[in-house]
C-alpha atoms as a PDB file:
ATOM      1  CA  MET A   1     -90.310 104.757  88.492  1.00  0.00           C
ATOM      2  CA  THR A   2     -87.300 102.645  89.445  1.00  0.00           C
ATOM      3  CA  GLU A   3     -83.797 103.590  88.452  1.00  0.00           C
ATOM      4  CA  THR A   4     -81.680 101.380  86.219  1.00  0.00           C
ATOM      5  CA  ALA A   5     -78.004 100.933  85.577  1.00  0.00           C
ATOM      6  CA  THR A   6     -76.937 100.049  82.058  1.00  0.00           C
ATOM      7  CA  LEU A   7     -74.010  97.658  81.885  1.00  0.00           C
ATOM      8  CA  LYS A   8     -72.299  97.764  78.496  1.00  0.00           C
ATOM      9  CA  ILE A   9     -70.344  94.504  78.473  1.00  0.00           C
ATOM     10  CA  TRP A  10     -67.666  93.249  76.095  1.00  0.00           C
ATOM     11  CA  ARG A  11     -68.474  89.714  74.878  1.00  0.00           C
ATOM     12  CA  GLY A  12     -66.486  87.121  72.959  1.00  0.00           C
ATOM     13  CA  GLU A  13     -63.494  84.784  72.960  1.00  0.00           C
ATOM     14  CA  ASP A  14     -61.311  86.651  70.462  1.00  0.00           C
ATOM     15  CA  PRO A  15     -60.156  90.187  71.299  1.00  0.00           C
ATOM     16  CA  ALA A  16     -60.331  91.084  67.597  1.00  0.00           C
ATOM     17  CA  ALA A  17     -63.814  89.686  66.997  1.00  0.00           C
ATOM     18  CA  GLY A  18     -65.833  90.510  70.110  1.00  0.00           C
ATOM     19  CA  ARG A  19     -68.940  92.629  70.448  1.00  0.00           C
ATOM     20  CA  TRP A  20     -70.603  94.947  72.955  1.00  0.00           C
ATOM     21  CA  GLU A  21     -73.921  94.147  74.637  1.00  0.00           C
ATOM     22  CA  ALA A  22     -75.906  96.475  76.866  1.00  0.00           C
ATOM     23  CA  HIS A  23     -78.160  95.268  79.674  1.00  0.00           C
ATOM     24  CA  ALA A  24     -80.461  97.360  81.848  1.00  0.00           C
ATOM     25  CA  VAL A  25     -80.191  96.283  85.480  1.00  0.00           C
ATOM     26  CA  PRO A  26     -82.514  97.339  88.324  1.00  0.00           C
ATOM     27  CA  PHE A  27     -80.538  99.752  90.485  1.00  0.00           C
ATOM     28  CA  GLU A  28     -80.541  99.932  94.272  1.00  0.00           C
ATOM     29  CA  ARG A  29     -78.072 101.983  96.258  1.00  0.00           C
ATOM     30  CA  GLY A  30     -75.261  99.914  97.756  1.00  0.00           C
ATOM     31  CA  GLN A  31     -75.159  97.286  95.014  1.00  0.00           C
ATOM     32  CA  SER A  32     -71.837  96.300  93.513  1.00  0.00           C
ATOM     33  CA  VAL A  33     -71.063  95.890  89.829  1.00  0.00           C
ATOM     34  CA  LEU A  34     -70.762  92.165  90.573  1.00  0.00           C
ATOM     35  CA  ASP A  35     -74.354  92.227  91.895  1.00  0.00           C
ATOM     36  CA  GLY A  36     -75.423  93.693  88.538  1.00  0.00           C
ATOM     37  CA  LEU A  37     -73.507  91.071  86.568  1.00  0.00           C
ATOM     38  CA  ARG A  38     -74.988  88.267  88.652  1.00  0.00           C
ATOM     39  CA  TRP A  39     -78.471  89.723  88.077  1.00  0.00           C
ATOM     40  CA  ILE A  40     -77.850  89.578  84.328  1.00  0.00           C
ATOM     41  CA  ARG A  41     -76.749  85.928  84.548  1.00  0.00           C
ATOM     42  CA  VAL A  42     -79.826  84.941  86.560  1.00  0.00           C
ATOM     43  CA  ASN A  43     -82.441  87.019  84.744  1.00  0.00           C
ATOM     44  CA  LYS A  44     -81.209  87.777  81.224  1.00  0.00           C
ATOM     45  CA  ASP A  45     -78.246  85.773  79.921  1.00  0.00           C
ATOM     46  CA  PRO A  46     -76.827  82.745  81.735  1.00  0.00           C
ATOM     47  CA  SER A  47     -74.078  82.459  79.097  1.00  0.00           C
ATOM     48  CA  LEU A  48     -72.289  85.605  80.348  1.00  0.00           C
ATOM     49  CA  ALA A  49     -68.822  84.528  81.506  1.00  0.00           C
ATOM     50  CA  ILE A  50     -67.697  86.163  84.744  1.00  0.00           C
ATOM     51  CA  ARG A  51     -65.401  84.933  87.481  1.00  0.00           C
ATOM     52  CA  PHE A  52     -65.743  85.523  91.215  1.00  0.00           C
ATOM     53  CA  SER A  53     -65.055  83.644  94.412  1.00  0.00           C
ATOM     54  CA  CYS A  54     -66.359  85.809  97.220  1.00  0.00           C
ATOM     55  CA  ILE A  55     -66.852  82.937  99.668  1.00  0.00           C
ATOM     56  CA  ASN A  56     -63.163  82.052  99.574  1.00  0.00           C
ATOM     57  CA  ALA A  57     -60.905  84.960 100.514  1.00  0.00           C
ATOM     58  CA  ASN A  58     -57.885  82.955  99.351  1.00  0.00           C
ATOM     59  CA  ALA A  59     -59.146  83.263  95.764  1.00  0.00           C
ATOM     60  CA  CYS A  60     -59.907  86.977  95.887  1.00  0.00           C
ATOM     61  CA  LYS A  61     -58.994  89.102  92.865  1.00  0.00           C
ATOM     62  CA  GLU A  62     -60.897  86.801  90.531  1.00  0.00           C
ATOM     63  CA  CYS A  63     -63.514  89.460  89.708  1.00  0.00           C
ATOM     64  CA  MET A  64     -61.009  92.022  88.393  1.00  0.00           C
ATOM     65  CA  MET A  65     -62.073  93.755  85.178  1.00  0.00           C
ATOM     66  CA  GLU A  66     -62.007  97.173  83.600  1.00  0.00           C
ATOM     67  CA  LEU A  67     -64.805  99.612  84.407  1.00  0.00           C
ATOM     68  CA  ASP A  68     -64.813 102.662  82.156  1.00  0.00           C
ATOM     69  CA  GLY A  69     -61.133 101.974  81.401  1.00  0.00           C
ATOM     70  CA  GLU A  70     -60.018 101.612  85.037  1.00  0.00           C
ATOM     71  CA  THR A  71     -59.061  98.304  86.677  1.00  0.00           C
ATOM     72  CA  VAL A  72     -61.464  97.467  89.522  1.00  0.00           C
ATOM     73  CA  TYR A  73     -62.777  94.611  91.594  1.00  0.00           C
ATOM     74  CA  ALA A  74     -66.384  94.080  90.498  1.00  0.00           C
ATOM     75  CA  CYS A  75     -67.282  93.111  94.070  1.00  0.00           C
ATOM     76  CA  THR A  76     -66.259  96.485  95.507  1.00  0.00           C
ATOM     77  CA  ALA A  77     -67.004  98.831  92.585  1.00  0.00           C
ATOM     78  CA  ARG A  78     -70.402 100.432  93.155  1.00  0.00           C
ATOM     79  CA  LEU A  79     -73.191 100.111  90.628  1.00  0.00           C
ATOM     80  CA  GLU A  80     -74.437 103.519  89.495  1.00  0.00           C
ATOM     81  CA  PRO A  81     -77.640 104.556  87.683  1.00  0.00           C
ATOM     82  CA  ARG A  82     -75.843 105.338  84.416  1.00  0.00           C
ATOM     83  CA  GLU A  83     -74.143 103.508  81.548  1.00  0.00           C
ATOM     84  CA  MET A  84     -71.080 101.665  82.825  1.00  0.00           C
ATOM     85  CA  THR A  85     -68.670 100.033  80.364  1.00  0.00           C
ATOM     86  CA  LEU A  86     -67.180  96.690  81.449  1.00  0.00           C
ATOM     87  CA  SER A  87     -64.360  94.958  79.617  1.00  0.00           C
ATOM     88  CA  PRO A  88     -61.844  92.196  80.394  1.00  0.00           C
ATOM     89  CA  LEU A  89     -58.433  93.125  81.743  1.00  0.00           C
ATOM     90  CA  SER A  90     -56.464  94.439  78.786  1.00  0.00           C
ATOM     91  CA  ASN A  91     -53.106  93.210  80.107  1.00  0.00           C
ATOM     92  CA  LYS A  92     -54.178  89.570  80.524  1.00  0.00           C
ATOM     93  CA  THR A  93     -54.979  86.744  78.115  1.00  0.00           C
ATOM     94  CA  LEU A  94     -58.690  86.613  77.319  1.00  0.00           C
ATOM     95  CA  VAL A  95     -60.610  83.429  78.099  1.00  0.00           C
ATOM     96  CA  ARG A  96     -64.158  84.633  77.279  1.00  0.00           C
ATOM     97  CA  ASP A  97     -66.303  87.710  77.904  1.00  0.00           C
ATOM     98  CA  LEU A  98     -65.038  89.302  81.156  1.00  0.00           C
ATOM     99  CA  VAL A  99     -62.861  86.333  82.154  1.00  0.00           C
ATOM    100  CA  THR A 100     -59.098  86.540  81.700  1.00  0.00           C
ATOM    101  CA  GLU A 101     -56.283  84.180  82.629  1.00  0.00           C
ATOM    102  CA  ILE A 102     -55.282  85.036  86.185  1.00  0.00           C
ATOM    103  CA  ALA A 103     -53.006  82.147  87.195  1.00  0.00           C
ATOM    104  CA  PRO A 104     -49.369  83.202  87.433  1.00  0.00           C
ATOM    105  CA  PRO A 105     -47.335  81.953  84.426  1.00  0.00           C
ATOM    106  CA  ALA A 106     -45.260  79.550  86.536  1.00  0.00           C
ATOM    107  CA  GLU A 107     -48.424  77.829  87.793  1.00  0.00           C
ATOM    108  CA  ARG A 108     -49.926  77.588  84.306  1.00  0.00           C
ATOM    109  CA  PHE A 109     -46.763  76.032  82.896  1.00  0.00           C
ATOM    110  CA  ALA A 110     -46.551  73.515  85.737  1.00  0.00           C
ATOM    111  CA  ALA A 111     -50.155  72.445  85.132  1.00  0.00           C
ATOM    112  CA  GLU A 112     -49.530  72.156  81.371  1.00  0.00           C
ATOM    113  CA  ARG A 113     -46.410  69.984  81.938  1.00  0.00           C
ATOM    114  CA  ILE A 114     -48.404  67.655  84.218  1.00  0.00           C
ATOM    115  CA  ALA A 115     -51.229  67.393  81.673  1.00  0.00           C
ATOM    116  CA  VAL A 116     -48.781  66.558  78.876  1.00  0.00           C
ATOM    117  CA  LYS A 117     -47.079  63.852  80.970  1.00  0.00           C
ATOM    118  CA  GLU A 118     -50.449  62.262  81.795  1.00  0.00           C
ATOM    119  CA  LYS A 119     -51.597  61.922  78.175  1.00  0.00           C
ATOM    120  CA  PRO A 120     -51.421  58.320  76.925  1.00  0.00           C
END
């Protein structure tokens, strides 16, 4: 019998109106939590919102989330054959599911000013 990891994932766009979903993921030693999340997107639910950019080291830190209440990088946190609770960063603005706003405030405001100036 193969082992499984259960990822209990917070879902939603509104912190006050979200829900928890649990997904059983095939477990193999050495996998990361990000591997488990990507398996869910490919095999179970393509609507799961996650952020990662492992091929571009300049964008690292995009996969940060909370695992059992601790802030981790999903790409380095190890998947374990047990229930693991994943939630968005509690100190950041929620976008959807496990994705939070990560751009520094100064960069967000600059982009918003440019967008406002460009509107007809």
